[in-house]
N, C-alpha and C. Protein backbone atom coordinates (compact mmCIF):
# COMPACT_ATOMS: atom_id res chain seq x y z
N UNK A 1 -31.57 57.89 -4.42
CA UNK A 1 -32.54 58.87 -4.90
C UNK A 1 -33.41 59.34 -3.74
N UNK A 2 -33.59 60.63 -3.60
CA UNK A 2 -34.37 61.19 -2.50
C UNK A 2 -35.85 60.91 -2.71
N UNK A 3 -36.53 60.59 -1.61
CA UNK A 3 -37.97 60.38 -1.66
C UNK A 3 -38.68 61.71 -1.53
N UNK A 4 -39.80 61.91 -2.24
CA UNK A 4 -40.55 63.15 -2.07
C UNK A 4 -41.15 63.22 -0.67
N UNK A 5 -41.24 64.43 -0.13
CA UNK A 5 -41.80 64.62 1.20
C UNK A 5 -43.31 64.38 1.18
N UNK A 6 -43.86 64.08 2.37
CA UNK A 6 -45.31 63.91 2.47
C UNK A 6 -46.03 65.20 2.10
N UNK A 7 -45.45 66.33 2.49
CA UNK A 7 -46.07 67.62 2.17
C UNK A 7 -46.14 67.81 0.66
N UNK A 8 -45.04 67.45 -0.04
CA UNK A 8 -45.02 67.56 -1.49
C UNK A 8 -46.08 66.67 -2.10
N UNK A 9 -46.16 65.42 -1.62
CA UNK A 9 -47.15 64.49 -2.16
C UNK A 9 -48.57 64.97 -1.91
N UNK A 10 -48.82 65.52 -0.72
CA UNK A 10 -50.16 66.04 -0.41
C UNK A 10 -50.52 67.19 -1.34
N UNK A 11 -49.55 68.10 -1.57
CA UNK A 11 -49.80 69.23 -2.47
C UNK A 11 -50.05 68.75 -3.90
N UNK A 12 -49.22 67.80 -4.35
CA UNK A 12 -49.37 67.30 -5.71
C UNK A 12 -50.71 66.62 -5.90
N UNK A 13 -51.14 65.84 -4.92
CA UNK A 13 -52.43 65.17 -5.00
C UNK A 13 -53.57 66.19 -5.01
N UNK A 14 -53.50 67.16 -4.09
CA UNK A 14 -54.55 68.19 -4.03
C UNK A 14 -54.62 68.98 -5.32
N UNK A 15 -53.46 69.32 -5.88
CA UNK A 15 -53.44 70.07 -7.13
C UNK A 15 -54.01 69.25 -8.27
N UNK A 16 -53.70 67.96 -8.32
CA UNK A 16 -54.23 67.08 -9.36
C UNK A 16 -55.75 67.01 -9.30
N UNK A 17 -56.28 66.87 -8.09
CA UNK A 17 -57.73 66.81 -7.90
C UNK A 17 -58.36 68.13 -8.32
N UNK A 18 -57.74 69.24 -7.93
CA UNK A 18 -58.27 70.56 -8.28
C UNK A 18 -58.28 70.76 -9.78
N UNK A 19 -57.17 70.42 -10.44
CA UNK A 19 -57.09 70.59 -11.89
C UNK A 19 -58.13 69.71 -12.57
N UNK A 20 -58.25 68.47 -12.13
CA UNK A 20 -59.24 67.57 -12.74
C UNK A 20 -60.66 68.11 -12.58
N UNK A 21 -60.92 68.75 -11.44
CA UNK A 21 -62.26 69.29 -11.20
C UNK A 21 -62.54 70.54 -12.02
N UNK A 22 -61.51 71.30 -12.30
CA UNK A 22 -61.72 72.60 -12.95
C UNK A 22 -61.47 72.62 -14.44
N UNK A 23 -60.66 71.70 -14.96
CA UNK A 23 -60.35 71.71 -16.38
C UNK A 23 -61.34 70.80 -17.09
N UNK A 24 -62.14 71.38 -17.98
CA UNK A 24 -63.13 70.55 -18.66
C UNK A 24 -62.46 69.62 -19.67
N UNK A 25 -63.10 68.49 -19.93
CA UNK A 25 -62.59 67.59 -20.96
C UNK A 25 -62.81 68.23 -22.32
N UNK A 26 -62.20 67.67 -23.34
CA UNK A 26 -62.20 68.28 -24.67
C UNK A 26 -63.59 68.63 -25.17
N UNK A 27 -64.57 67.75 -24.96
CA UNK A 27 -65.90 68.01 -25.49
C UNK A 27 -66.85 68.67 -24.50
N UNK A 28 -66.37 68.95 -23.30
CA UNK A 28 -67.26 69.48 -22.26
C UNK A 28 -67.54 70.95 -22.45
N UNK A 29 -68.70 71.37 -21.97
CA UNK A 29 -69.06 72.79 -22.01
C UNK A 29 -68.19 73.55 -21.01
N UNK A 30 -68.06 74.84 -21.19
CA UNK A 30 -67.23 75.67 -20.34
C UNK A 30 -67.98 76.20 -19.13
N UNK A 31 -69.06 75.57 -18.76
CA UNK A 31 -69.84 76.00 -17.60
C UNK A 31 -69.25 75.41 -16.32
N UNK A 32 -69.31 76.18 -15.22
CA UNK A 32 -68.80 75.63 -13.95
C UNK A 32 -69.72 74.52 -13.46
N UNK A 33 -69.20 73.63 -12.60
CA UNK A 33 -70.06 72.59 -12.03
C UNK A 33 -71.23 73.21 -11.28
N UNK A 34 -72.33 72.48 -11.17
CA UNK A 34 -73.49 73.00 -10.42
C UNK A 34 -73.09 73.38 -9.00
N UNK A 35 -73.55 74.54 -8.57
CA UNK A 35 -73.29 74.99 -7.22
C UNK A 35 -71.97 75.72 -7.03
N UNK A 36 -71.12 75.78 -8.07
CA UNK A 36 -69.84 76.46 -7.91
C UNK A 36 -70.01 77.96 -8.01
N UNK A 37 -69.38 78.65 -7.11
CA UNK A 37 -69.34 80.11 -7.13
C UNK A 37 -67.89 80.48 -7.42
N UNK A 38 -67.64 81.17 -8.52
CA UNK A 38 -66.28 81.46 -8.96
C UNK A 38 -65.48 82.31 -7.98
N UNK A 39 -66.12 83.28 -7.35
CA UNK A 39 -65.44 84.11 -6.35
C UNK A 39 -66.48 84.70 -5.42
N UNK A 40 -65.97 85.41 -4.39
CA UNK A 40 -66.85 86.02 -3.42
C UNK A 40 -67.46 84.97 -2.50
N UNK A 41 -68.14 85.37 -1.51
CA UNK A 41 -68.63 86.72 -1.25
C UNK A 41 -67.62 87.62 -0.55
N UNK A 42 -66.50 87.09 -0.12
CA UNK A 42 -65.55 87.92 0.63
C UNK A 42 -64.40 88.41 -0.24
N UNK A 43 -63.84 87.54 -1.06
CA UNK A 43 -62.73 87.87 -1.94
C UNK A 43 -63.24 87.81 -3.37
N UNK A 44 -63.27 88.94 -4.05
CA UNK A 44 -63.83 88.99 -5.39
C UNK A 44 -62.84 88.61 -6.49
N UNK A 45 -61.54 88.70 -6.22
CA UNK A 45 -60.54 88.44 -7.26
C UNK A 45 -60.28 86.95 -7.47
N UNK A 46 -60.92 86.08 -6.72
CA UNK A 46 -60.72 84.65 -6.90
C UNK A 46 -61.18 83.89 -5.68
N UNK A 47 -60.99 82.57 -5.72
CA UNK A 47 -61.33 81.75 -4.58
C UNK A 47 -62.67 81.07 -4.72
N UNK A 48 -62.80 80.17 -5.73
CA UNK A 48 -64.06 79.48 -5.96
C UNK A 48 -64.48 78.66 -4.75
N UNK A 49 -65.75 78.37 -4.66
CA UNK A 49 -66.24 77.47 -3.62
C UNK A 49 -67.49 76.76 -4.12
N UNK A 50 -67.76 75.66 -3.49
CA UNK A 50 -68.96 74.88 -3.79
C UNK A 50 -69.88 74.90 -2.57
N UNK A 51 -71.16 74.90 -2.81
CA UNK A 51 -72.12 74.81 -1.72
C UNK A 51 -72.11 73.40 -1.15
N UNK A 52 -72.18 73.29 0.17
CA UNK A 52 -72.27 71.99 0.84
C UNK A 52 -73.55 72.03 1.65
N UNK A 53 -74.53 71.29 1.19
CA UNK A 53 -75.81 71.24 1.88
C UNK A 53 -75.75 70.24 3.03
N UNK A 54 -76.12 70.71 4.20
CA UNK A 54 -76.23 69.85 5.38
C UNK A 54 -74.98 69.03 5.66
N UNK A 55 -73.82 69.70 5.89
CA UNK A 55 -72.63 68.92 6.23
C UNK A 55 -72.84 68.15 7.54
N UNK A 56 -72.27 66.97 7.62
CA UNK A 56 -72.44 66.16 8.82
C UNK A 56 -71.32 66.38 9.83
N UNK A 57 -70.22 67.00 9.42
CA UNK A 57 -69.18 67.42 10.35
C UNK A 57 -69.46 68.89 10.64
N UNK A 58 -69.94 69.18 11.82
CA UNK A 58 -70.38 70.52 12.16
C UNK A 58 -69.45 71.13 13.21
N UNK A 59 -68.97 72.32 12.92
CA UNK A 59 -68.09 73.05 13.82
C UNK A 59 -68.96 73.98 14.68
N UNK A 60 -68.68 74.10 15.96
CA UNK A 60 -69.48 74.99 16.80
C UNK A 60 -69.50 76.42 16.25
N UNK A 61 -70.61 77.09 16.40
CA UNK A 61 -70.81 78.42 15.83
C UNK A 61 -69.83 79.45 16.37
N UNK A 62 -69.31 79.25 17.56
CA UNK A 62 -68.39 80.23 18.14
C UNK A 62 -66.92 79.96 17.79
N UNK A 63 -66.66 78.92 17.00
CA UNK A 63 -65.28 78.59 16.65
C UNK A 63 -64.67 79.68 15.77
N UNK A 64 -63.40 80.02 16.05
CA UNK A 64 -62.67 80.99 15.23
C UNK A 64 -61.60 80.22 14.47
N UNK A 65 -61.70 80.27 13.15
CA UNK A 65 -60.73 79.64 12.28
C UNK A 65 -59.54 80.59 12.11
N UNK A 66 -58.35 80.10 12.41
CA UNK A 66 -57.12 80.88 12.25
C UNK A 66 -56.12 79.98 11.53
N UNK A 67 -55.84 80.29 10.27
CA UNK A 67 -54.96 79.44 9.47
C UNK A 67 -53.79 80.25 8.94
N UNK A 68 -52.61 79.63 8.97
CA UNK A 68 -51.44 80.23 8.35
C UNK A 68 -51.02 79.30 7.20
N UNK A 69 -50.81 79.90 6.05
CA UNK A 69 -50.45 79.18 4.84
C UNK A 69 -49.00 79.48 4.49
N UNK A 70 -48.27 78.46 4.09
CA UNK A 70 -46.89 78.62 3.66
C UNK A 70 -46.86 78.57 2.14
N UNK A 71 -46.39 79.64 1.52
CA UNK A 71 -46.32 79.74 0.06
C UNK A 71 -44.85 79.69 -0.33
N UNK A 72 -44.44 78.60 -0.97
CA UNK A 72 -43.02 78.43 -1.27
C UNK A 72 -42.76 78.15 -2.75
N UNK A 73 -43.74 77.64 -3.46
CA UNK A 73 -43.53 77.24 -4.85
C UNK A 73 -43.78 78.38 -5.83
N UNK A 74 -43.03 78.36 -6.91
CA UNK A 74 -43.24 79.31 -7.99
C UNK A 74 -44.34 78.75 -8.87
N UNK A 75 -45.11 79.61 -9.47
CA UNK A 75 -46.18 79.17 -10.35
C UNK A 75 -45.76 79.35 -11.80
N UNK A 76 -46.54 78.84 -12.70
CA UNK A 76 -46.28 79.01 -14.12
C UNK A 76 -46.40 80.47 -14.51
N UNK A 77 -45.57 80.91 -15.44
CA UNK A 77 -45.64 82.29 -15.91
C UNK A 77 -47.05 82.61 -16.41
N UNK A 78 -47.55 83.76 -16.01
CA UNK A 78 -48.85 84.23 -16.46
C UNK A 78 -50.03 83.65 -15.70
N UNK A 79 -49.79 82.79 -14.72
CA UNK A 79 -50.87 82.16 -13.97
C UNK A 79 -51.01 82.79 -12.59
N UNK A 80 -52.25 82.92 -12.13
CA UNK A 80 -52.50 83.35 -10.76
C UNK A 80 -52.00 82.22 -9.85
N UNK A 81 -51.31 82.59 -8.80
CA UNK A 81 -50.69 81.59 -7.92
C UNK A 81 -51.77 80.74 -7.26
N UNK A 82 -51.78 79.41 -7.50
CA UNK A 82 -52.86 78.57 -6.97
C UNK A 82 -52.88 78.47 -5.45
N UNK A 83 -51.72 78.55 -4.80
CA UNK A 83 -51.71 78.47 -3.34
C UNK A 83 -52.28 79.73 -2.71
N UNK A 84 -52.11 80.86 -3.37
CA UNK A 84 -52.71 82.10 -2.87
C UNK A 84 -54.21 82.08 -3.13
N UNK A 85 -54.61 81.46 -4.23
CA UNK A 85 -56.03 81.28 -4.50
C UNK A 85 -56.68 80.43 -3.41
N UNK A 86 -55.94 79.48 -2.85
CA UNK A 86 -56.46 78.65 -1.76
C UNK A 86 -56.83 79.49 -0.55
N UNK A 87 -56.05 80.53 -0.28
CA UNK A 87 -56.37 81.40 0.86
C UNK A 87 -57.70 82.10 0.61
N UNK A 88 -57.91 82.57 -0.62
CA UNK A 88 -59.20 83.20 -0.97
C UNK A 88 -60.33 82.19 -0.83
N UNK A 89 -60.10 80.96 -1.25
CA UNK A 89 -61.12 79.91 -1.10
C UNK A 89 -61.47 79.71 0.37
N UNK A 90 -60.44 79.68 1.22
CA UNK A 90 -60.65 79.50 2.66
C UNK A 90 -61.60 80.56 3.20
N UNK A 91 -61.39 81.82 2.81
CA UNK A 91 -62.25 82.90 3.27
C UNK A 91 -63.64 82.81 2.64
N UNK A 92 -63.68 82.60 1.32
CA UNK A 92 -64.96 82.59 0.61
C UNK A 92 -65.87 81.44 1.00
N UNK A 93 -65.32 80.24 1.12
CA UNK A 93 -66.21 79.11 1.40
C UNK A 93 -66.83 79.22 2.78
N UNK A 94 -66.08 79.77 3.74
CA UNK A 94 -66.67 79.96 5.07
C UNK A 94 -67.70 81.09 5.06
N UNK A 95 -67.39 82.18 4.36
CA UNK A 95 -68.36 83.28 4.27
C UNK A 95 -69.62 82.83 3.55
N UNK A 96 -69.45 82.04 2.52
CA UNK A 96 -70.60 81.54 1.76
C UNK A 96 -71.51 80.67 2.63
N UNK A 97 -70.94 80.06 3.65
CA UNK A 97 -71.71 79.20 4.54
C UNK A 97 -71.98 79.89 5.88
N UNK A 98 -72.03 81.23 5.82
CA UNK A 98 -72.49 82.08 6.93
C UNK A 98 -71.60 82.09 8.17
N UNK A 99 -70.31 81.79 8.01
CA UNK A 99 -69.38 81.97 9.12
C UNK A 99 -68.98 83.44 9.10
N UNK A 100 -69.14 84.16 10.21
CA UNK A 100 -68.81 85.59 10.22
C UNK A 100 -67.34 85.84 9.87
N UNK A 101 -67.10 86.94 9.16
CA UNK A 101 -65.74 87.28 8.73
C UNK A 101 -64.76 87.32 9.90
N UNK A 102 -65.20 87.80 11.06
CA UNK A 102 -64.28 87.89 12.20
C UNK A 102 -64.01 86.53 12.86
N UNK A 103 -64.61 85.48 12.31
CA UNK A 103 -64.35 84.11 12.78
C UNK A 103 -63.47 83.34 11.80
N UNK A 104 -63.01 84.00 10.74
CA UNK A 104 -62.17 83.34 9.73
C UNK A 104 -60.98 84.25 9.45
N UNK A 105 -59.84 83.91 10.05
CA UNK A 105 -58.63 84.71 9.93
C UNK A 105 -57.56 83.91 9.19
N UNK A 106 -56.77 84.61 8.39
CA UNK A 106 -55.73 83.92 7.63
C UNK A 106 -54.48 84.76 7.54
N UNK A 107 -53.37 84.06 7.40
CA UNK A 107 -52.07 84.70 7.18
C UNK A 107 -51.32 83.84 6.18
N UNK A 108 -50.40 84.46 5.45
CA UNK A 108 -49.56 83.74 4.51
C UNK A 108 -48.12 84.12 4.75
N UNK A 109 -47.26 83.12 4.78
CA UNK A 109 -45.82 83.33 4.88
C UNK A 109 -45.23 82.84 3.57
N UNK A 110 -44.59 83.75 2.86
CA UNK A 110 -44.09 83.47 1.51
C UNK A 110 -42.57 83.45 1.54
N UNK A 111 -42.01 82.41 0.92
CA UNK A 111 -40.55 82.35 0.81
C UNK A 111 -40.17 81.54 -0.42
N UNK A 112 -38.87 81.45 -0.66
CA UNK A 112 -38.38 80.68 -1.81
C UNK A 112 -38.98 81.15 -3.11
N UNK A 113 -39.42 80.22 -3.92
CA UNK A 113 -39.94 80.53 -5.25
C UNK A 113 -41.28 81.22 -5.28
N UNK A 114 -41.94 81.39 -4.13
CA UNK A 114 -43.25 82.04 -4.10
C UNK A 114 -43.21 83.55 -4.18
N UNK A 115 -42.02 84.16 -4.04
CA UNK A 115 -41.94 85.62 -3.93
C UNK A 115 -42.50 86.40 -5.12
N UNK A 116 -42.43 85.92 -6.39
CA UNK A 116 -42.95 86.75 -7.49
C UNK A 116 -44.42 87.14 -7.33
N UNK A 117 -45.21 86.34 -6.62
CA UNK A 117 -46.63 86.65 -6.41
C UNK A 117 -46.82 87.91 -5.61
N UNK A 118 -45.78 88.38 -4.91
CA UNK A 118 -45.89 89.56 -4.06
C UNK A 118 -45.32 90.82 -4.69
N UNK A 119 -44.81 90.72 -5.91
CA UNK A 119 -44.22 91.88 -6.57
C UNK A 119 -45.31 92.78 -7.15
N UNK A 120 -45.07 94.10 -7.10
CA UNK A 120 -45.98 95.01 -7.80
C UNK A 120 -45.77 94.81 -9.30
N UNK A 121 -46.67 95.35 -10.10
CA UNK A 121 -46.60 95.11 -11.54
C UNK A 121 -45.29 95.58 -12.16
N UNK A 122 -44.81 96.74 -11.73
CA UNK A 122 -43.57 97.28 -12.30
C UNK A 122 -42.38 96.38 -11.99
N UNK A 123 -42.26 95.94 -10.75
CA UNK A 123 -41.15 95.07 -10.35
C UNK A 123 -41.26 93.71 -11.03
N UNK A 124 -42.48 93.20 -11.14
CA UNK A 124 -42.69 91.92 -11.82
C UNK A 124 -42.30 92.03 -13.28
N UNK A 125 -42.71 93.10 -13.92
CA UNK A 125 -42.38 93.31 -15.34
C UNK A 125 -40.87 93.41 -15.55
N UNK A 126 -40.18 94.08 -14.64
CA UNK A 126 -38.73 94.23 -14.75
C UNK A 126 -38.01 92.89 -14.63
N UNK A 127 -38.56 91.98 -13.88
CA UNK A 127 -37.90 90.68 -13.65
C UNK A 127 -38.39 89.59 -14.59
N UNK A 128 -39.60 89.75 -15.14
CA UNK A 128 -40.22 88.68 -15.92
C UNK A 128 -40.74 89.17 -17.28
N UNK A 129 -39.82 89.56 -18.13
CA UNK A 129 -40.10 89.87 -19.54
C UNK A 129 -41.26 90.83 -19.77
N UNK A 130 -41.40 91.83 -18.92
CA UNK A 130 -42.41 92.86 -19.13
C UNK A 130 -43.81 92.49 -18.71
N UNK A 131 -43.98 91.32 -18.12
CA UNK A 131 -45.33 90.85 -17.75
C UNK A 131 -45.74 91.38 -16.39
N UNK A 132 -46.97 91.91 -16.27
CA UNK A 132 -47.46 92.32 -14.94
C UNK A 132 -47.70 91.08 -14.08
N UNK A 133 -47.83 91.29 -12.79
CA UNK A 133 -48.04 90.20 -11.84
C UNK A 133 -49.49 89.71 -11.93
N UNK A 134 -49.72 88.48 -12.38
CA UNK A 134 -51.08 87.98 -12.52
C UNK A 134 -51.78 87.75 -11.18
N UNK A 135 -51.03 87.74 -10.08
CA UNK A 135 -51.60 87.48 -8.76
C UNK A 135 -51.82 88.77 -7.97
N UNK A 136 -51.40 89.90 -8.51
CA UNK A 136 -51.46 91.17 -7.78
C UNK A 136 -52.85 91.50 -7.25
N UNK A 137 -53.87 91.46 -8.10
CA UNK A 137 -55.23 91.83 -7.68
C UNK A 137 -55.72 90.93 -6.54
N UNK A 138 -55.38 89.66 -6.61
CA UNK A 138 -55.79 88.73 -5.57
C UNK A 138 -55.09 89.05 -4.25
N UNK A 139 -53.79 89.32 -4.30
CA UNK A 139 -53.05 89.68 -3.09
C UNK A 139 -53.61 90.97 -2.50
N UNK A 140 -53.90 91.96 -3.33
CA UNK A 140 -54.48 93.21 -2.84
C UNK A 140 -55.83 92.97 -2.17
N UNK A 141 -56.65 92.12 -2.77
CA UNK A 141 -57.97 91.80 -2.22
C UNK A 141 -57.83 91.09 -0.87
N UNK A 142 -56.88 90.18 -0.77
CA UNK A 142 -56.65 89.48 0.49
C UNK A 142 -56.22 90.45 1.59
N UNK A 143 -55.27 91.32 1.26
CA UNK A 143 -54.79 92.30 2.24
C UNK A 143 -55.94 93.22 2.68
N UNK A 144 -56.75 93.64 1.72
CA UNK A 144 -57.89 94.50 2.05
C UNK A 144 -58.89 93.81 2.97
N UNK A 145 -58.87 92.48 2.96
CA UNK A 145 -59.77 91.69 3.81
C UNK A 145 -59.08 91.17 5.06
N UNK A 146 -57.97 91.78 5.44
CA UNK A 146 -57.34 91.49 6.71
C UNK A 146 -56.35 90.34 6.73
N UNK A 147 -56.04 89.75 5.58
CA UNK A 147 -55.05 88.67 5.56
C UNK A 147 -53.66 89.28 5.69
N UNK A 148 -52.89 88.76 6.63
CA UNK A 148 -51.51 89.22 6.80
C UNK A 148 -50.63 88.43 5.84
N UNK A 149 -49.92 89.13 4.97
CA UNK A 149 -49.05 88.47 4.01
C UNK A 149 -47.62 88.93 4.29
N UNK A 150 -46.79 87.94 4.63
CA UNK A 150 -45.44 88.20 5.10
C UNK A 150 -44.44 87.52 4.18
N UNK A 151 -43.45 88.27 3.73
CA UNK A 151 -42.36 87.74 2.92
C UNK A 151 -41.16 87.45 3.81
N UNK A 152 -40.52 86.34 3.58
CA UNK A 152 -39.30 85.96 4.28
C UNK A 152 -38.19 86.96 3.96
N UNK A 153 -37.58 87.54 4.97
CA UNK A 153 -36.49 88.48 4.76
C UNK A 153 -35.26 87.84 4.15
N UNK A 154 -35.07 86.55 4.40
CA UNK A 154 -33.94 85.84 3.80
C UNK A 154 -34.15 85.69 2.30
N UNK A 155 -35.39 85.40 1.91
CA UNK A 155 -35.72 85.34 0.49
C UNK A 155 -35.56 86.71 -0.15
N UNK A 156 -36.08 87.74 0.52
CA UNK A 156 -35.98 89.11 -0.03
C UNK A 156 -34.52 89.51 -0.20
N UNK A 157 -33.70 89.24 0.81
CA UNK A 157 -32.29 89.61 0.73
C UNK A 157 -31.55 88.83 -0.34
N UNK A 158 -31.84 87.55 -0.44
CA UNK A 158 -31.18 86.71 -1.43
C UNK A 158 -31.52 87.09 -2.85
N UNK A 159 -32.68 87.71 -3.04
CA UNK A 159 -33.10 88.13 -4.38
C UNK A 159 -33.01 89.64 -4.57
N UNK A 160 -32.42 90.29 -3.60
CA UNK A 160 -32.20 91.74 -3.63
C UNK A 160 -33.50 92.51 -3.88
N UNK A 161 -34.55 92.10 -3.16
CA UNK A 161 -35.85 92.77 -3.26
C UNK A 161 -35.88 93.95 -2.30
N UNK A 162 -36.45 95.04 -2.76
CA UNK A 162 -36.66 96.21 -1.92
C UNK A 162 -38.14 96.30 -1.58
N UNK A 163 -38.46 96.88 -0.42
CA UNK A 163 -39.86 96.99 0.02
C UNK A 163 -40.72 97.68 -1.05
N UNK A 164 -40.19 98.67 -1.73
CA UNK A 164 -40.99 99.39 -2.74
C UNK A 164 -41.31 98.54 -3.96
N UNK A 165 -40.70 97.37 -4.10
CA UNK A 165 -41.04 96.46 -5.20
C UNK A 165 -42.22 95.56 -4.85
N UNK A 166 -42.62 95.57 -3.58
CA UNK A 166 -43.69 94.69 -3.13
C UNK A 166 -45.05 95.37 -3.21
N UNK A 167 -46.08 94.58 -3.31
CA UNK A 167 -47.45 95.09 -3.28
C UNK A 167 -47.64 95.78 -1.93
N UNK A 168 -48.21 96.98 -1.91
CA UNK A 168 -48.44 97.66 -0.63
C UNK A 168 -49.24 96.79 0.33
N UNK A 169 -48.76 96.74 1.57
CA UNK A 169 -49.40 95.94 2.60
C UNK A 169 -48.66 94.65 2.90
N UNK A 170 -47.79 94.21 1.98
CA UNK A 170 -46.96 93.04 2.24
C UNK A 170 -45.87 93.47 3.21
N UNK A 171 -45.65 92.67 4.26
CA UNK A 171 -44.60 92.98 5.22
C UNK A 171 -43.45 91.98 5.05
N UNK A 172 -42.29 92.34 5.60
CA UNK A 172 -41.10 91.49 5.51
C UNK A 172 -40.66 91.10 6.92
N UNK A 173 -40.49 89.79 7.14
CA UNK A 173 -40.04 89.27 8.43
C UNK A 173 -38.55 88.97 8.37
N UNK A 174 -37.98 88.74 9.52
CA UNK A 174 -36.59 88.32 9.59
C UNK A 174 -36.39 87.06 8.76
N UNK A 175 -37.33 86.12 8.87
CA UNK A 175 -37.28 84.88 8.10
C UNK A 175 -38.68 84.29 8.04
N UNK A 176 -38.88 83.33 7.15
CA UNK A 176 -40.14 82.59 7.11
C UNK A 176 -40.32 81.80 8.40
N UNK A 177 -39.23 81.23 8.90
CA UNK A 177 -39.30 80.46 10.14
C UNK A 177 -39.78 81.34 11.29
N UNK A 178 -39.29 82.58 11.33
CA UNK A 178 -39.70 83.53 12.37
C UNK A 178 -41.20 83.78 12.30
N UNK A 179 -41.70 84.08 11.10
CA UNK A 179 -43.11 84.41 10.93
C UNK A 179 -44.01 83.20 11.21
N UNK A 180 -43.62 82.02 10.70
CA UNK A 180 -44.43 80.82 10.95
C UNK A 180 -44.51 80.51 12.44
N UNK A 181 -43.39 80.64 13.12
CA UNK A 181 -43.39 80.41 14.56
C UNK A 181 -44.31 81.39 15.27
N UNK A 182 -44.20 82.67 14.91
CA UNK A 182 -45.03 83.70 15.54
C UNK A 182 -46.52 83.40 15.34
N UNK A 183 -46.94 83.17 14.12
CA UNK A 183 -48.36 82.95 13.87
C UNK A 183 -48.87 81.73 14.63
N UNK A 184 -48.07 80.69 14.70
CA UNK A 184 -48.53 79.50 15.42
C UNK A 184 -48.63 79.76 16.92
N UNK A 185 -47.77 80.60 17.48
CA UNK A 185 -47.90 80.93 18.90
C UNK A 185 -49.11 81.83 19.15
N UNK A 186 -49.63 82.45 18.10
CA UNK A 186 -50.83 83.30 18.22
C UNK A 186 -52.11 82.52 17.94
N UNK A 187 -52.00 81.20 17.84
CA UNK A 187 -53.19 80.36 17.66
C UNK A 187 -53.53 80.02 16.22
N UNK A 188 -52.70 80.46 15.27
CA UNK A 188 -52.93 80.10 13.86
C UNK A 188 -52.46 78.66 13.65
N UNK A 189 -53.28 77.89 13.00
CA UNK A 189 -52.94 76.50 12.70
C UNK A 189 -52.32 76.44 11.31
N UNK A 190 -51.26 75.67 11.17
CA UNK A 190 -50.60 75.52 9.88
C UNK A 190 -51.52 74.77 8.94
N UNK A 191 -51.80 75.34 7.78
CA UNK A 191 -52.63 74.69 6.77
C UNK A 191 -51.69 74.13 5.70
N UNK A 192 -51.67 72.81 5.50
CA UNK A 192 -50.66 72.21 4.63
C UNK A 192 -50.88 72.38 3.14
N UNK A 193 -51.99 72.94 2.68
CA UNK A 193 -52.18 73.18 1.25
C UNK A 193 -52.97 74.42 1.02
């Protein structure tokens, strides 16, 4: 029997913690935890963050955060893709704590089962029982805020996707491996979740 990868275990653990933090218990009120901001200030379509008063791990003010995220998993039908929401969180939590926008850069490389998050509503509806893409507004907001979102050309070809089926601004690379390599040579650090 194959053992799960460390990356899979890290994602599963992070997702479990996130769900536990966000899903109220049966008798709990539907109010967010104290200090939680549901979205913004940079990405309005999603990306909650919590205030952290006086963090003891302090990054120098001139540091530029450059993260590349790999989106490979398919999400539940009708749900906003949680890994894409993480990119919004990355931007929002730094903006909320006064890190200048030009010091927080992000890119996403999407392949495998993650591709439906990049479909326009018409293409998504054609492939998924008439349902619009629940992640479309978030992807559009990310692109509008300078996030580079790249689809693997091997994934696109294997699923017979055409550029006009994608959300405007999504680009297609030769492969996910090509794009991940490029971003890392440009100083983007791989973010594992």
